[in-house]
Amino acid sequence: MEINNIGNNAGVIWNALNTNGKMTETKLKKETGLASADFYTALGWLAREGKVNVVVETRCGKDCEYITL
């Protein structure tokens, strides 16, 4: 995997979050259409740079994790 591809995929994730707001991991992965390895590598890149956050919200007694900018 080339570093340029990781950066491009990180941009795809960032743009999806910027457009749609917070999303679950499953929804974000589906929205981006990235393969699992590409998705998680790019998400890790963004997390390492401090550009995404994971927030937990309780809804109907269940904790839900969301990825946000």
PDB file of N, CA and C in Angstrom:
ATOM      1  N   MET A   1       0.854  -1.169   0.000  1.00  0.00           N
ATOM      2  CA  MET A   1       0.000   0.000   0.000  1.00  0.00           C
ATOM      3  C   MET A   1       0.906   1.239   0.000  1.00  0.00           C
ATOM      4  N   GLU A   2       0.663   2.115  -0.916  1.00  0.00           N
ATOM      5  CA  GLU A   2       1.462   3.335  -1.019  1.00  0.00           C
ATOM      6  C   GLU A   2       0.960   4.389  -0.055  1.00  0.00           C
ATOM      7  N   ILE A   3       1.892   5.194   0.446  1.00  0.00           N
ATOM      8  CA  ILE A   3       1.529   6.241   1.402  1.00  0.00           C
ATOM      9  C   ILE A   3       0.580   7.260   0.768  1.00  0.00           C
ATOM     10  N   ASN A   4       0.710   7.493  -0.536  1.00  0.00           N
ATOM     11  CA  ASN A   4      -0.210   8.417  -1.208  1.00  0.00           C
ATOM     12  C   ASN A   4      -1.638   7.888  -1.191  1.00  0.00           C
ATOM     13  N   ASN A   5      -1.778   6.578  -1.334  1.00  0.00           N
ATOM     14  CA  ASN A   5      -3.117   5.983  -1.280  1.00  0.00           C
ATOM     15  C   ASN A   5      -3.729   6.146   0.102  1.00  0.00           C
ATOM     16  N   ILE A   6      -2.915   5.986   1.133  1.00  0.00           N
ATOM     17  CA  ILE A   6      -3.410   6.153   2.499  1.00  0.00           C
ATOM     18  C   ILE A   6      -3.903   7.583   2.686  1.00  0.00           C
ATOM     19  N   GLY A   7      -3.121   8.532   2.238  1.00  0.00           N
ATOM     20  CA  GLY A   7      -3.515   9.942   2.341  1.00  0.00           C
ATOM     21  C   GLY A   7      -4.780  10.248   1.557  1.00  0.00           C
ATOM     22  N   ASN A   8      -4.888   9.694   0.360  1.00  0.00           N
ATOM     23  CA  ASN A   8      -6.098   9.899  -0.447  1.00  0.00           C
ATOM     24  C   ASN A   8      -7.318   9.293   0.234  1.00  0.00           C
ATOM     25  N   ASN A   9      -7.158   8.092   0.783  1.00  0.00           N
ATOM     26  CA  ASN A   9      -8.266   7.441   1.476  1.00  0.00           C
ATOM     27  C   ASN A   9      -8.644   8.204   2.746  1.00  0.00           C
ATOM     28  N   ALA A  10      -7.657   8.767   3.421  1.00  0.00           N
ATOM     29  CA  ALA A  10      -7.945   9.601   4.594  1.00  0.00           C
ATOM     30  C   ALA A  10      -8.785  10.801   4.175  1.00  0.00           C
ATOM     31  N   GLY A  11      -8.483  11.357   3.015  1.00  0.00           N
ATOM     32  CA  GLY A  11      -9.279  12.468   2.486  1.00  0.00           C
ATOM     33  C   GLY A  11     -10.710  12.060   2.189  1.00  0.00           C
ATOM     34  N   VAL A  12     -10.896  10.856   1.699  1.00  0.00           N
ATOM     35  CA  VAL A  12     -12.246  10.348   1.424  1.00  0.00           C
ATOM     36  C   VAL A  12     -13.044  10.260   2.727  1.00  0.00           C
ATOM     37  N   ILE A  13     -12.413   9.731   3.774  1.00  0.00           N
ATOM     38  CA  ILE A  13     -13.075   9.623   5.079  1.00  0.00           C
ATOM     39  C   ILE A  13     -13.377  11.010   5.632  1.00  0.00           C
ATOM     40  N   TRP A  14     -12.392  11.888   5.592  1.00  0.00           N
ATOM     41  CA  TRP A  14     -12.579  13.242   6.134  1.00  0.00           C
ATOM     42  C   TRP A  14     -13.717  13.958   5.417  1.00  0.00           C
ATOM     43  N   ASN A  15     -13.746  13.855   4.088  1.00  0.00           N
ATOM     44  CA  ASN A  15     -14.805  14.514   3.313  1.00  0.00           C
ATOM     45  C   ASN A  15     -16.181  13.942   3.644  1.00  0.00           C
ATOM     46  N   ALA A  16     -16.263  12.642   3.851  1.00  0.00           N
ATOM     47  CA  ALA A  16     -17.550  12.026   4.208  1.00  0.00           C
ATOM     48  C   ALA A  16     -18.027  12.553   5.556  1.00  0.00           C
ATOM     49  N   LEU A  17     -17.114  12.663   6.513  1.00  0.00           N
ATOM     50  CA  LEU A  17     -17.484  13.190   7.830  1.00  0.00           C
ATOM     51  C   LEU A  17     -17.818  14.672   7.760  1.00  0.00           C
ATOM     52  N   ASN A  18     -17.087  15.411   6.970  1.00  0.00           N
ATOM     53  CA  ASN A  18     -17.338  16.838   6.827  1.00  0.00           C
ATOM     54  C   ASN A  18     -18.707  17.086   6.190  1.00  0.00           C
ATOM     55  N   THR A  19     -19.085  16.264   5.261  1.00  0.00           N
ATOM     56  CA  THR A  19     -20.363  16.405   4.568  1.00  0.00           C
ATOM     57  C   THR A  19     -21.537  15.922   5.413  1.00  0.00           C
ATOM     58  N   ASN A  20     -21.367  14.769   6.060  1.00  0.00           N
ATOM     59  CA  ASN A  20     -22.489  14.109   6.735  1.00  0.00           C
ATOM     60  C   ASN A  20     -22.507  14.259   8.250  1.00  0.00           C
ATOM     61  N   GLY A  21     -21.444  14.746   8.829  1.00  0.00           N
ATOM     62  CA  GLY A  21     -21.374  14.826  10.289  1.00  0.00           C
ATOM     63  C   GLY A  21     -21.013  13.486  10.896  1.00  0.00           C
ATOM     64  N   LYS A  22     -21.246  13.366  12.186  1.00  0.00           N
ATOM     65  CA  LYS A  22     -20.847  12.145  12.890  1.00  0.00           C
ATOM     66  C   LYS A  22     -21.540  10.923  12.308  1.00  0.00           C
ATOM     67  N   MET A  23     -20.796   9.825  12.287  1.00  0.00           N
ATOM     68  CA  MET A  23     -21.320   8.568  11.767  1.00  0.00           C
ATOM     69  C   MET A  23     -20.750   7.407  12.557  1.00  0.00           C
ATOM     70  N   THR A  24     -21.504   6.313  12.569  1.00  0.00           N
ATOM     71  CA  THR A  24     -20.958   5.098  13.153  1.00  0.00           C
ATOM     72  C   THR A  24     -19.878   4.572  12.220  1.00  0.00           C
ATOM     73  N   GLU A  25     -19.027   3.710  12.758  1.00  0.00           N
ATOM     74  CA  GLU A  25     -17.975   3.111  11.954  1.00  0.00           C
ATOM     75  C   GLU A  25     -18.562   2.366  10.752  1.00  0.00           C
ATOM     76  N   THR A  26     -19.623   1.619  10.983  1.00  0.00           N
ATOM     77  CA  THR A  26     -20.253   0.847   9.911  1.00  0.00           C
ATOM     78  C   THR A  26     -20.795   1.753   8.818  1.00  0.00           C
ATOM     79  N   LYS A  27     -21.487   2.803   9.213  1.00  0.00           N
ATOM     80  CA  LYS A  27     -22.054   3.734   8.221  1.00  0.00           C
ATOM     81  C   LYS A  27     -20.944   4.459   7.460  1.00  0.00           C
ATOM     82  N   LEU A  28     -19.906   4.877   8.171  1.00  0.00           N
ATOM     83  CA  LEU A  28     -18.795   5.581   7.525  1.00  0.00           C
ATOM     84  C   LEU A  28     -18.084   4.674   6.533  1.00  0.00           C
ATOM     85  N   LYS A  29     -17.868   3.437   6.922  1.00  0.00           N
ATOM     86  CA  LYS A  29     -17.206   2.492   6.019  1.00  0.00           C
ATOM     87  C   LYS A  29     -18.051   2.283   4.768  1.00  0.00           C
ATOM     88  N   LYS A  30     -19.353   2.140   4.942  1.00  0.00           N
ATOM     89  CA  LYS A  30     -20.248   1.963   3.803  1.00  0.00           C
ATOM     90  C   LYS A  30     -20.277   3.216   2.933  1.00  0.00           C
ATOM     91  N   GLU A  31     -20.325   4.383   3.564  1.00  0.00           N
ATOM     92  CA  GLU A  31     -20.377   5.661   2.844  1.00  0.00           C
ATOM     93  C   GLU A  31     -19.134   5.868   1.976  1.00  0.00           C
ATOM     94  N   THR A  32     -17.971   5.477   2.484  1.00  0.00           N
ATOM     95  CA  THR A  32     -16.727   5.691   1.741  1.00  0.00           C
ATOM     96  C   THR A  32     -16.486   4.632   0.677  1.00  0.00           C
ATOM     97  N   GLY A  33     -17.030   3.433   0.890  1.00  0.00           N
ATOM     98  CA  GLY A  33     -16.819   2.359  -0.074  1.00  0.00           C
ATOM     99  C   GLY A  33     -15.416   1.790  -0.074  1.00  0.00           C
ATOM    100  N   LEU A  34     -14.638   2.092   0.969  1.00  0.00           N
ATOM    101  CA  LEU A  34     -13.268   1.597   1.039  1.00  0.00           C
ATOM    102  C   LEU A  34     -13.232   0.161   1.554  1.00  0.00           C
ATOM    103  N   ALA A  35     -12.269  -0.596   1.071  1.00  0.00           N
ATOM    104  CA  ALA A  35     -12.027  -1.943   1.589  1.00  0.00           C
ATOM    105  C   ALA A  35     -11.581  -1.819   3.045  1.00  0.00           C
ATOM    106  N   SER A  36     -11.776  -2.864   3.820  1.00  0.00           N
ATOM    107  CA  SER A  36     -11.476  -2.816   5.257  1.00  0.00           C
ATOM    108  C   SER A  36     -10.058  -2.353   5.558  1.00  0.00           C
ATOM    109  N   ALA A  37      -9.078  -2.953   4.922  1.00  0.00           N
ATOM    110  CA  ALA A  37      -7.677  -2.589   5.198  1.00  0.00           C
ATOM    111  C   ALA A  37      -7.419  -1.120   4.867  1.00  0.00           C
ATOM    112  N   ASP A  38      -7.949  -0.662   3.745  1.00  0.00           N
ATOM    113  CA  ASP A  38      -7.772   0.738   3.341  1.00  0.00           C
ATOM    114  C   ASP A  38      -8.483   1.677   4.304  1.00  0.00           C
ATOM    115  N   PHE A  39      -9.691   1.294   4.708  1.00  0.00           N
ATOM    116  CA  PHE A  39     -10.476   2.118   5.621  1.00  0.00           C
ATOM    117  C   PHE A  39      -9.767   2.288   6.958  1.00  0.00           C
ATOM    118  N   TYR A  40      -9.369   1.186   7.564  1.00  0.00           N
ATOM    119  CA  TYR A  40      -8.778   1.259   8.901  1.00  0.00           C
ATOM    120  C   TYR A  40      -7.386   1.891   8.899  1.00  0.00           C
ATOM    121  N   THR A  41      -6.634   1.705   7.826  1.00  0.00           N
ATOM    122  CA  THR A  41      -5.330   2.367   7.724  1.00  0.00           C
ATOM    123  C   THR A  41      -5.516   3.878   7.635  1.00  0.00           C
ATOM    124  N   ALA A  42      -6.448   4.315   6.805  1.00  0.00           N
ATOM    125  CA  ALA A  42      -6.704   5.749   6.639  1.00  0.00           C
ATOM    126  C   ALA A  42      -7.305   6.354   7.903  1.00  0.00           C
ATOM    127  N   LEU A  43      -8.199   5.620   8.562  1.00  0.00           N
ATOM    128  CA  LEU A  43      -8.790   6.111   9.806  1.00  0.00           C
ATOM    129  C   LEU A  43      -7.714   6.252  10.883  1.00  0.00           C
ATOM    130  N   GLY A  44      -6.805   5.304  10.938  1.00  0.00           N
ATOM    131  CA  GLY A  44      -5.682   5.387  11.876  1.00  0.00           C
ATOM    132  C   GLY A  44      -4.807   6.600  11.592  1.00  0.00           C
ATOM    133  N   TRP A  45      -4.579   6.878  10.329  1.00  0.00           N
ATOM    134  CA  TRP A  45      -3.800   8.052   9.918  1.00  0.00           C
ATOM    135  C   TRP A  45      -4.460   9.324  10.463  1.00  0.00           C
ATOM    136  N   LEU A  46      -5.772   9.437  10.248  1.00  0.00           N
ATOM    137  CA  LEU A  46      -6.498  10.617  10.723  1.00  0.00           C
ATOM    138  C   LEU A  46      -6.492  10.705  12.249  1.00  0.00           C
ATOM    139  N   ALA A  47      -6.640   9.578  12.908  1.00  0.00           N
ATOM    140  CA  ALA A  47      -6.624   9.564  14.372  1.00  0.00           C
ATOM    141  C   ALA A  47      -5.257   9.983  14.896  1.00  0.00           C
ATOM    142  N   ARG A  48      -4.217   9.488  14.291  1.00  0.00           N
ATOM    143  CA  ARG A  48      -2.849   9.838  14.720  1.00  0.00           C
ATOM    144  C   ARG A  48      -2.598  11.331  14.569  1.00  0.00           C
ATOM    145  N   GLU A  49      -3.174  11.929  13.549  1.00  0.00           N
ATOM    146  CA  GLU A  49      -3.013  13.366  13.323  1.00  0.00           C
ATOM    147  C   GLU A  49      -3.993  14.200  14.146  1.00  0.00           C
ATOM    148  N   GLY A  50      -4.845  13.543  14.914  1.00  0.00           N
ATOM    149  CA  GLY A  50      -5.805  14.265  15.750  1.00  0.00           C
ATOM    150  C   GLY A  50      -6.940  14.902  14.964  1.00  0.00           C
ATOM    151  N   LYS A  51      -7.246  14.349  13.801  1.00  0.00           N
ATOM    152  CA  LYS A  51      -8.272  14.955  12.946  1.00  0.00           C
ATOM    153  C   LYS A  51      -9.633  14.303  13.082  1.00  0.00           C
ATOM    154  N   VAL A  52      -9.715  13.183  13.784  1.00  0.00           N
ATOM    155  CA  VAL A  52     -11.005  12.547  14.056  1.00  0.00           C
ATOM    156  C   VAL A  52     -11.078  12.182  15.533  1.00  0.00           C
ATOM    157  N   ASN A  53     -12.286  12.057  16.009  1.00  0.00           N
ATOM    158  CA  ASN A  53     -12.535  11.674  17.395  1.00  0.00           C
ATOM    159  C   ASN A  53     -13.594  10.587  17.420  1.00  0.00           C
ATOM    160  N   VAL A  54     -13.573   9.814  18.491  1.00  0.00           N
ATOM    161  CA  VAL A  54     -14.640   8.845  18.729  1.00  0.00           C
ATOM    162  C   VAL A  54     -15.398   9.323  19.953  1.00  0.00           C
ATOM    163  N   VAL A  55     -16.694   9.495  19.796  1.00  0.00           N
ATOM    164  CA  VAL A  55     -17.540   9.909  20.912  1.00  0.00           C
ATOM    165  C   VAL A  55     -18.552   8.803  21.191  1.00  0.00           C
ATOM    166  N   VAL A  56     -18.892   8.658  22.450  1.00  0.00           N
ATOM    167  CA  VAL A  56     -19.867   7.650  22.849  1.00  0.00           C
ATOM    168  C   VAL A  56     -21.100   8.370  23.353  1.00  0.00           C
ATOM    169  N   GLU A  57     -22.237   8.003  22.794  1.00  0.00           N
ATOM    170  CA  GLU A  57     -23.520   8.555  23.222  1.00  0.00           C
ATOM    171  C   GLU A  57     -24.405   7.399  23.665  1.00  0.00           C
ATOM    172  N   THR A  58     -25.162   7.625  24.719  1.00  0.00           N
ATOM    173  CA  THR A  58     -26.080   6.603  25.190  1.00  0.00           C
ATOM    174  C   THR A  58     -27.463   6.900  24.633  1.00  0.00           C
ATOM    175  N   ARG A  59     -28.013   5.922  23.940  1.00  0.00           N
ATOM    176  CA  ARG A  59     -29.344   6.046  23.352  1.00  0.00           C
ATOM    177  C   ARG A  59     -30.144   4.808  23.742  1.00  0.00           C
ATOM    178  N   CYS A  60     -31.260   5.042  24.376  1.00  0.00           N
ATOM    179  CA  CYS A  60     -32.147   3.945  24.803  1.00  0.00           C
ATOM    180  C   CYS A  60     -31.391   2.923  25.649  1.00  0.00           C
ATOM    181  N   GLY A  61     -30.507   3.409  26.506  1.00  0.00           N
ATOM    182  CA  GLY A  61     -29.761   2.535  27.393  1.00  0.00           C
ATOM    183  C   GLY A  61     -28.603   1.802  26.741  1.00  0.00           C
ATOM    184  N   LYS A  62     -28.293   2.119  25.489  1.00  0.00           N
ATOM    185  CA  LYS A  62     -27.212   1.458  24.769  1.00  0.00           C
ATOM    186  C   LYS A  62     -26.167   2.489  24.371  1.00  0.00           C
ATOM    187  N   ASP A  63     -24.889   2.157  24.573  1.00  0.00           N
ATOM    188  CA  ASP A  63     -23.809   3.043  24.151  1.00  0.00           C
ATOM    189  C   ASP A  63     -23.560   2.886  22.656  1.00  0.00           C
ATOM    190  N   CYS A  64     -23.496   4.010  21.955  1.00  0.00           N
ATOM    191  CA  CYS A  64     -23.214   4.022  20.519  1.00  0.00           C
ATOM    192  C   CYS A  64     -21.965   4.858  20.280  1.00  0.00           C
ATOM    193  N   GLU A  65     -21.034   4.313  19.512  1.00  0.00           N
ATOM    194  CA  GLU A  65     -19.814   5.049  19.187  1.00  0.00           C
ATOM    195  C   GLU A  65     -19.976   5.715  17.829  1.00  0.00           C
ATOM    196  N   TYR A  66     -19.556   6.977  17.774  1.00  0.00           N
ATOM    197  CA  TYR A  66     -19.597   7.744  16.539  1.00  0.00           C
ATOM    198  C   TYR A  66     -18.212   8.311  16.258  1.00  0.00           C
ATOM    199  N   ILE A  67     -17.876   8.394  14.981  1.00  0.00           N
ATOM    200  CA  ILE A  67     -16.639   9.034  14.552  1.00  0.00           C
ATOM    201  C   ILE A  67     -16.998  10.432  14.081  1.00  0.00           C
ATOM    202  N   THR A  68     -16.260  11.418  14.561  1.00  0.00           N
ATOM    203  CA  THR A  68     -16.523  12.816  14.221  1.00  0.00           C
ATOM    204  C   THR A  68     -15.218  13.508  13.856  1.00  0.00           C
ATOM    205  N   LEU A  69     -15.351  14.675  13.259  1.00  0.00           N
ATOM    206  CA  LEU A  69     -14.176  15.513  12.996  1.00  0.00           C
ATOM    207  C   LEU A  69     -13.815  16.269  14.240  1.00  0.00           C
TER     208      LEU A  69
END
